[in-house]
Amino acid sequence: MAKVHPDQASTVSDESDPCSTMSNSAAGIRETFTIWMKSLVCHTNGCTVFDSNGEIVYRVENYDTKGSSEVQLMDLHGSVLFTILKKKLQICGRWNGYRGNFTGKMKEKPCFQVKKKCSIFRRSDDIACEVTVGFNKYWIVRLSGGKKLQGFKIVNFNGQVVAEVKQKQLSSGMVLGDDVLSLEVEPYIDHSLVVALVIVYGLINRKL
């Protein structure tokens, strides 16, 4: 059976600042991960993220629920890295992300917000979502010819790509199923935050 993980080295993210987008890695290289849009628990709803060594680094367990309004991104050992909540009564859809377990306190501010772009408000047909992290703005942009989930990138205010997701392709040229994705993250970007944004986009498209 062919391995689905990539061949590059992985680094550890800096979570000291709740709304930081930066990693404390000194590697300064692009990191590659593999995302399997399934839970390891009997292949139920959720997703599993592998690093370059094929080790599990992040996971989401939704079990029998699909398109849940509350999702927790965990590490391998079950520690909650982000709690993602869908805001109710939003016309186009909005999701808030909180570091760790969300306590439900009214004063607790989200680390990030993702707003689904309504078609009538889109600056471009390729822009799917607007992302706010602290004072920084990002956009989730569909790749030309890409399917809703299988091809998109996250760009900053200057249009620079900070992360990109594509359907996984092996070195032999064989393309894996549409539930196996390749995620590339630019240097010094917080990996867990990027994965959390990918999770939100998967929820928007009801892929987990």
C-alpha atoms as a PDB file:
ATOM      1  CA  MET A   1       0.000   0.000   0.000  1.00  0.00           C
ATOM      2  CA  ALA A   2       1.448   3.381  -0.979  1.00  0.00           C
ATOM      3  CA  LYS A   3       2.150   5.916   1.761  1.00  0.00           C
ATOM      4  CA  VAL A   4       0.122   9.092   1.558  1.00  0.00           C
ATOM      5  CA  HIS A   5       2.474  11.389   3.458  1.00  0.00           C
ATOM      6  CA  PRO A   6       4.958  13.836   1.838  1.00  0.00           C
ATOM      7  CA  ASP A   7       8.738  13.888   2.129  1.00  0.00           C
ATOM      8  CA  GLN A   8       9.609  17.217   3.723  1.00  0.00           C
ATOM      9  CA  ALA A   9      10.485  17.968   7.333  1.00  0.00           C
ATOM     10  CA  SER A  10       8.015  19.375   9.832  1.00  0.00           C
ATOM     11  CA  THR A  11       8.351  22.028  12.536  1.00  0.00           C
ATOM     12  CA  VAL A  12       6.559  23.041  15.709  1.00  0.00           C
ATOM     13  CA  SER A  13       4.240  26.037  15.890  1.00  0.00           C
ATOM     14  CA  ASP A  14       4.477  28.859  18.397  1.00  0.00           C
ATOM     15  CA  GLU A  15       1.242  29.231  20.338  1.00  0.00           C
ATOM     16  CA  SER A  16       2.435  31.756  22.939  1.00  0.00           C
ATOM     17  CA  ASP A  17       0.385  34.520  21.308  1.00  0.00           C
ATOM     18  CA  PRO A  18      -3.299  33.445  21.052  1.00  0.00           C
ATOM     19  CA  CYS A  19      -3.751  35.315  17.778  1.00  0.00           C
ATOM     20  CA  SER A  20      -0.279  34.935  16.316  1.00  0.00           C
ATOM     21  CA  THR A  21       0.034  33.665  12.757  1.00  0.00           C
ATOM     22  CA  MET A  22       3.755  33.013  13.158  1.00  0.00           C
ATOM     23  CA  SER A  23       5.719  29.892  14.062  1.00  0.00           C
ATOM     24  CA  ASN A  24       8.846  29.880  16.192  1.00  0.00           C
ATOM     25  CA  SER A  25      10.574  27.549  13.735  1.00  0.00           C
ATOM     26  CA  ALA A  26      14.007  28.592  12.537  1.00  0.00           C
ATOM     27  CA  ALA A  27      13.906  26.168   9.615  1.00  0.00           C
ATOM     28  CA  GLY A  28      12.700  28.796   7.159  1.00  0.00           C
ATOM     29  CA  ILE A  29      11.395  26.231   4.684  1.00  0.00           C
ATOM     30  CA  ARG A  30       8.018  25.424   3.197  1.00  0.00           C
ATOM     31  CA  GLU A  31       6.308  22.626   5.133  1.00  0.00           C
ATOM     32  CA  THR A  32       4.171  19.931   3.539  1.00  0.00           C
ATOM     33  CA  PHE A  33       1.410  17.936   5.227  1.00  0.00           C
ATOM     34  CA  THR A  34      -1.120  15.370   4.104  1.00  0.00           C
ATOM     35  CA  ILE A  35      -4.759  15.732   5.094  1.00  0.00           C
ATOM     36  CA  TRP A  36      -7.058  12.720   5.020  1.00  0.00           C
ATOM     37  CA  MET A  37     -10.657  13.920   5.255  1.00  0.00           C
ATOM     38  CA  LYS A  38     -11.658  11.037   7.490  1.00  0.00           C
ATOM     39  CA  SER A  39     -11.439  10.288  11.187  1.00  0.00           C
ATOM     40  CA  LEU A  40      -9.233   7.419  12.324  1.00  0.00           C
ATOM     41  CA  VAL A  41     -12.178   6.183  14.409  1.00  0.00           C
ATOM     42  CA  CYS A  42     -13.768   3.645  12.072  1.00  0.00           C
ATOM     43  CA  HIS A  43     -13.352   6.079   9.154  1.00  0.00           C
ATOM     44  CA  THR A  44     -16.103   8.324  10.512  1.00  0.00           C
ATOM     45  CA  ASN A  45     -16.505  12.076   9.920  1.00  0.00           C
ATOM     46  CA  GLY A  46     -13.510  14.229  10.756  1.00  0.00           C
ATOM     47  CA  CYS A  47      -9.980  14.484   9.431  1.00  0.00           C
ATOM     48  CA  THR A  48      -6.434  13.334  10.141  1.00  0.00           C
ATOM     49  CA  VAL A  49      -3.298  15.347   9.361  1.00  0.00           C
ATOM     50  CA  PHE A  50       0.097  13.693   8.817  1.00  0.00           C
ATOM     51  CA  ASP A  51       3.513  15.347   8.853  1.00  0.00           C
ATOM     52  CA  SER A  52       6.384  14.609   6.469  1.00  0.00           C
ATOM     53  CA  ASN A  53       7.321  11.487   8.415  1.00  0.00           C
ATOM     54  CA  GLY A  54       3.843  10.011   8.186  1.00  0.00           C
ATOM     55  CA  GLU A  55       3.165  10.790  11.852  1.00  0.00           C
ATOM     56  CA  ILE A  56      -0.236  12.056  12.951  1.00  0.00           C
ATOM     57  CA  VAL A  57       0.041  15.657  14.166  1.00  0.00           C
ATOM     58  CA  TYR A  58      -3.564  16.920  14.107  1.00  0.00           C
ATOM     59  CA  ARG A  59      -6.991  15.327  14.098  1.00  0.00           C
ATOM     60  CA  VAL A  60     -10.701  16.100  14.221  1.00  0.00           C
ATOM     61  CA  GLU A  61     -13.264  13.568  15.422  1.00  0.00           C
ATOM     62  CA  ASN A  62     -16.874  14.298  14.402  1.00  0.00           C
ATOM     63  CA  TYR A  63     -17.982  10.656  14.558  1.00  0.00           C
ATOM     64  CA  ASP A  64     -21.538  10.378  13.164  1.00  0.00           C
ATOM     65  CA  THR A  65     -22.040  14.131  12.721  1.00  0.00           C
ATOM     66  CA  LYS A  66     -21.319  15.903   9.437  1.00  0.00           C
ATOM     67  CA  GLY A  67     -21.139  19.670   9.084  1.00  0.00           C
ATOM     68  CA  SER A  68     -21.150  20.169  12.864  1.00  0.00           C
ATOM     69  CA  SER A  69     -21.547  23.682  14.276  1.00  0.00           C
ATOM     70  CA  GLU A  70     -18.817  22.967  16.850  1.00  0.00           C
ATOM     71  CA  VAL A  71     -15.516  21.239  16.066  1.00  0.00           C
ATOM     72  CA  GLN A  72     -12.329  20.764  18.056  1.00  0.00           C
ATOM     73  CA  LEU A  73      -8.928  20.522  16.383  1.00  0.00           C
ATOM     74  CA  MET A  74      -6.710  18.285  18.507  1.00  0.00           C
ATOM     75  CA  ASP A  75      -3.149  17.046  18.499  1.00  0.00           C
ATOM     76  CA  LEU A  76      -2.308  13.336  18.433  1.00  0.00           C
ATOM     77  CA  HIS A  77      -2.806  12.983  22.190  1.00  0.00           C
ATOM     78  CA  GLY A  78      -6.224  14.649  22.268  1.00  0.00           C
ATOM     79  CA  SER A  79      -5.197  18.082  23.547  1.00  0.00           C
ATOM     80  CA  VAL A  80      -7.532  20.703  22.072  1.00  0.00           C
ATOM     81  CA  LEU A  81      -5.652  23.291  20.000  1.00  0.00           C
ATOM     82  CA  PHE A  82      -8.654  25.154  18.574  1.00  0.00           C
ATOM     83  CA  THR A  83     -12.386  25.176  19.216  1.00  0.00           C
ATOM     84  CA  ILE A  84     -14.300  26.184  16.079  1.00  0.00           C
ATOM     85  CA  LEU A  85     -17.866  27.443  16.423  1.00  0.00           C
ATOM     86  CA  LYS A  86     -20.348  28.378  13.724  1.00  0.00           C
ATOM     87  CA  LYS A  87     -22.231  31.589  14.442  1.00  0.00           C
ATOM     88  CA  LYS A  88     -25.982  31.248  14.197  1.00  0.00           C
ATOM     89  CA  LEU A  89     -28.307  33.489  12.195  1.00  0.00           C
ATOM     90  CA  GLN A  90     -25.577  34.578   9.777  1.00  0.00           C
ATOM     91  CA  ILE A  91     -26.743  35.089   6.191  1.00  0.00           C
ATOM     92  CA  CYS A  92     -23.600  33.826   4.486  1.00  0.00           C
ATOM     93  CA  GLY A  93     -22.026  31.929   7.373  1.00  0.00           C
ATOM     94  CA  ARG A  94     -19.365  32.869   9.926  1.00  0.00           C
ATOM     95  CA  TRP A  95     -17.079  30.726  12.058  1.00  0.00           C
ATOM     96  CA  ASN A  96     -15.089  31.756  15.142  1.00  0.00           C
ATOM     97  CA  GLY A  97     -11.921  29.966  16.235  1.00  0.00           C
ATOM     98  CA  TYR A  98     -10.685  29.968  19.841  1.00  0.00           C
ATOM     99  CA  ARG A  99      -7.338  28.708  21.136  1.00  0.00           C
ATOM    100  CA  GLY A 100      -7.827  25.600  23.264  1.00  0.00           C
ATOM    101  CA  ASN A 101     -11.169  24.740  24.837  1.00  0.00           C
ATOM    102  CA  PHE A 102     -13.798  27.431  24.490  1.00  0.00           C
ATOM    103  CA  THR A 103     -15.190  28.300  27.926  1.00  0.00           C
ATOM    104  CA  GLY A 104     -18.284  30.062  26.648  1.00  0.00           C
ATOM    105  CA  LYS A 105     -17.503  33.300  28.453  1.00  0.00           C
ATOM    106  CA  MET A 106     -18.888  36.357  26.693  1.00  0.00           C
ATOM    107  CA  LYS A 107     -15.599  38.264  27.085  1.00  0.00           C
ATOM    108  CA  GLU A 108     -13.571  35.545  25.387  1.00  0.00           C
ATOM    109  CA  LYS A 109     -12.546  36.902  21.992  1.00  0.00           C
ATOM    110  CA  PRO A 110     -11.965  34.572  19.046  1.00  0.00           C
ATOM    111  CA  CYS A 111      -8.438  34.075  17.758  1.00  0.00           C
ATOM    112  CA  PHE A 112      -9.768  34.108  14.200  1.00  0.00           C
ATOM    113  CA  GLN A 113     -12.972  34.603  12.236  1.00  0.00           C
ATOM    114  CA  VAL A 114     -13.895  33.161   8.855  1.00  0.00           C
ATOM    115  CA  LYS A 115     -16.721  34.727   6.858  1.00  0.00           C
ATOM    116  CA  LYS A 116     -18.100  32.938   3.833  1.00  0.00           C
ATOM    117  CA  LYS A 117     -18.336  35.402   0.962  1.00  0.00           C
ATOM    118  CA  CYS A 118     -21.827  35.832  -0.456  1.00  0.00           C
ATOM    119  CA  SER A 119     -21.842  35.753  -4.248  1.00  0.00           C
ATOM    120  CA  ILE A 120     -23.335  39.250  -4.460  1.00  0.00           C
ATOM    121  CA  PHE A 121     -20.492  40.701  -2.370  1.00  0.00           C
ATOM    122  CA  ARG A 122     -17.508  38.861  -3.838  1.00  0.00           C
ATOM    123  CA  ARG A 123     -14.723  40.934  -5.318  1.00  0.00           C
ATOM    124  CA  SER A 124     -13.848  37.892  -7.381  1.00  0.00           C
ATOM    125  CA  ASP A 125     -15.671  34.673  -8.143  1.00  0.00           C
ATOM    126  CA  ASP A 126     -12.596  32.820  -6.851  1.00  0.00           C
ATOM    127  CA  ILE A 127     -12.706  34.363  -3.366  1.00  0.00           C
ATOM    128  CA  ALA A 128     -14.551  31.960  -1.072  1.00  0.00           C
ATOM    129  CA  CYS A 129     -13.925  33.361   2.416  1.00  0.00           C
ATOM    130  CA  GLU A 130     -12.525  36.332   4.291  1.00  0.00           C
ATOM    131  CA  VAL A 131     -10.332  35.510   7.292  1.00  0.00           C
ATOM    132  CA  THR A 132      -9.493  37.823  10.190  1.00  0.00           C
ATOM    133  CA  VAL A 133      -6.660  36.918  12.579  1.00  0.00           C
ATOM    134  CA  GLY A 134      -6.132  39.684  15.115  1.00  0.00           C
ATOM    135  CA  PHE A 135      -5.578  42.791  12.984  1.00  0.00           C
ATOM    136  CA  ASN A 136      -4.548  40.780   9.914  1.00  0.00           C
ATOM    137  CA  LYS A 137      -6.714  39.946   6.912  1.00  0.00           C
ATOM    138  CA  TYR A 138      -6.479  36.846   4.735  1.00  0.00           C
ATOM    139  CA  TRP A 139      -8.601  35.306   2.014  1.00  0.00           C
ATOM    140  CA  ILE A 140      -9.357  31.740   1.008  1.00  0.00           C
ATOM    141  CA  VAL A 141      -9.205  31.673  -2.783  1.00  0.00           C
ATOM    142  CA  ARG A 142     -10.227  28.766  -4.992  1.00  0.00           C
ATOM    143  CA  LEU A 143      -7.621  27.691  -7.530  1.00  0.00           C
ATOM    144  CA  SER A 144      -8.599  27.978 -11.188  1.00  0.00           C
ATOM    145  CA  GLY A 145     -10.284  24.784 -12.258  1.00  0.00           C
ATOM    146  CA  GLY A 146     -10.114  23.410  -8.723  1.00  0.00           C
ATOM    147  CA  LYS A 147     -13.030  21.765  -6.980  1.00  0.00           C
ATOM    148  CA  LYS A 148     -14.522  23.389  -3.898  1.00  0.00           C
ATOM    149  CA  LEU A 149     -12.191  21.697  -1.440  1.00  0.00           C
ATOM    150  CA  GLN A 150      -9.529  20.039  -3.585  1.00  0.00           C
ATOM    151  CA  GLY A 151      -7.882  23.258  -4.778  1.00  0.00           C
ATOM    152  CA  PHE A 152      -7.552  26.507  -2.838  1.00  0.00           C
ATOM    153  CA  LYS A 153      -4.990  28.823  -1.308  1.00  0.00           C
ATOM    154  CA  ILE A 154      -4.814  31.209   1.629  1.00  0.00           C
ATOM    155  CA  VAL A 155      -3.424  34.618   0.730  1.00  0.00           C
ATOM    156  CA  ASN A 156      -2.579  37.670   2.819  1.00  0.00           C
ATOM    157  CA  PHE A 157      -3.520  41.318   2.251  1.00  0.00           C
ATOM    158  CA  ASN A 158      -0.685  41.727  -0.258  1.00  0.00           C
ATOM    159  CA  GLY A 159      -1.824  38.722  -2.277  1.00  0.00           C
ATOM    160  CA  GLN A 160       1.074  36.548  -1.109  1.00  0.00           C
ATOM    161  CA  VAL A 161       0.271  32.857  -0.697  1.00  0.00           C
ATOM    162  CA  VAL A 162       0.779  31.603   2.873  1.00  0.00           C
ATOM    163  CA  ALA A 163      -0.695  28.126   2.321  1.00  0.00           C
ATOM    164  CA  GLU A 164      -2.047  26.024  -0.537  1.00  0.00           C
ATOM    165  CA  VAL A 165      -4.175  22.890  -0.675  1.00  0.00           C
ATOM    166  CA  LYS A 166      -4.373  20.505  -3.621  1.00  0.00           C
ATOM    167  CA  GLN A 167      -5.499  16.965  -4.228  1.00  0.00           C
ATOM    168  CA  LYS A 168      -2.659  14.625  -3.243  1.00  0.00           C
ATOM    169  CA  GLN A 169      -0.494  13.349  -6.100  1.00  0.00           C
ATOM    170  CA  LEU A 170       2.225  10.733  -5.677  1.00  0.00           C
ATOM    171  CA  SER A 171       5.683  11.059  -7.219  1.00  0.00           C
ATOM    172  CA  SER A 172       4.598   8.408  -9.740  1.00  0.00           C
ATOM    173  CA  GLY A 173       1.950  10.822 -10.989  1.00  0.00           C
ATOM    174  CA  MET A 174      -0.972   8.894  -9.560  1.00  0.00           C
ATOM    175  CA  VAL A 175      -3.650  11.162  -8.057  1.00  0.00           C
ATOM    176  CA  LEU A 176      -5.194   9.886  -4.838  1.00  0.00           C
ATOM    177  CA  GLY A 177      -8.864  10.122  -3.928  1.00  0.00           C
ATOM    178  CA  ASP A 178     -10.551  13.456  -3.426  1.00  0.00           C
ATOM    179  CA  ASP A 179     -10.457  12.916   0.348  1.00  0.00           C
ATOM    180  CA  VAL A 180      -6.629  12.938   0.428  1.00  0.00           C
ATOM    181  CA  LEU A 181      -5.155  16.440   0.192  1.00  0.00           C
ATOM    182  CA  SER A 182      -1.684  17.938   0.176  1.00  0.00           C
ATOM    183  CA  LEU A 183      -1.165  21.068   2.291  1.00  0.00           C
ATOM    184  CA  GLU A 184       1.882  23.310   1.770  1.00  0.00           C
ATOM    185  CA  VAL A 185       2.563  26.033   4.353  1.00  0.00           C
ATOM    186  CA  GLU A 186       5.044  28.840   3.797  1.00  0.00           C
ATOM    187  CA  PRO A 187       7.917  29.385   6.292  1.00  0.00           C
ATOM    188  CA  TYR A 188       7.247  30.713   9.794  1.00  0.00           C
ATOM    189  CA  ILE A 189       3.459  30.377   9.547  1.00  0.00           C
ATOM    190  CA  ASP A 190       1.597  28.694  12.431  1.00  0.00           C
ATOM    191  CA  HIS A 191       0.705  25.242  11.121  1.00  0.00           C
ATOM    192  CA  SER A 192      -2.122  24.590  13.582  1.00  0.00           C
ATOM    193  CA  LEU A 193      -3.805  27.867  12.623  1.00  0.00           C
ATOM    194  CA  VAL A 194      -3.612  27.016   8.915  1.00  0.00           C
ATOM    195  CA  VAL A 195      -5.037  23.548   9.572  1.00  0.00           C
ATOM    196  CA  ALA A 196      -7.866  25.140  11.568  1.00  0.00           C
ATOM    197  CA  LEU A 197      -8.696  27.339   8.559  1.00  0.00           C
ATOM    198  CA  VAL A 198      -8.650  24.295   6.286  1.00  0.00           C
ATOM    199  CA  ILE A 199     -11.057  22.612   8.707  1.00  0.00           C
ATOM    200  CA  VAL A 200     -13.439  25.578   8.521  1.00  0.00           C
ATOM    201  CA  TYR A 201     -13.377  25.442   4.725  1.00  0.00           C
ATOM    202  CA  GLY A 202     -14.105  21.731   4.912  1.00  0.00           C
ATOM    203  CA  LEU A 203     -17.089  22.462   7.156  1.00  0.00           C
ATOM    204  CA  ILE A 204     -18.347  25.094   4.728  1.00  0.00           C
ATOM    205  CA  ASN A 205     -18.270  22.515   1.935  1.00  0.00           C
ATOM    206  CA  ARG A 206     -19.619  19.740   4.198  1.00  0.00           C
ATOM    207  CA  LYS A 207     -16.568  17.543   3.722  1.00  0.00           C
ATOM    208  CA  LEU A 208     -16.295  16.598   7.417  1.00  0.00           C
END
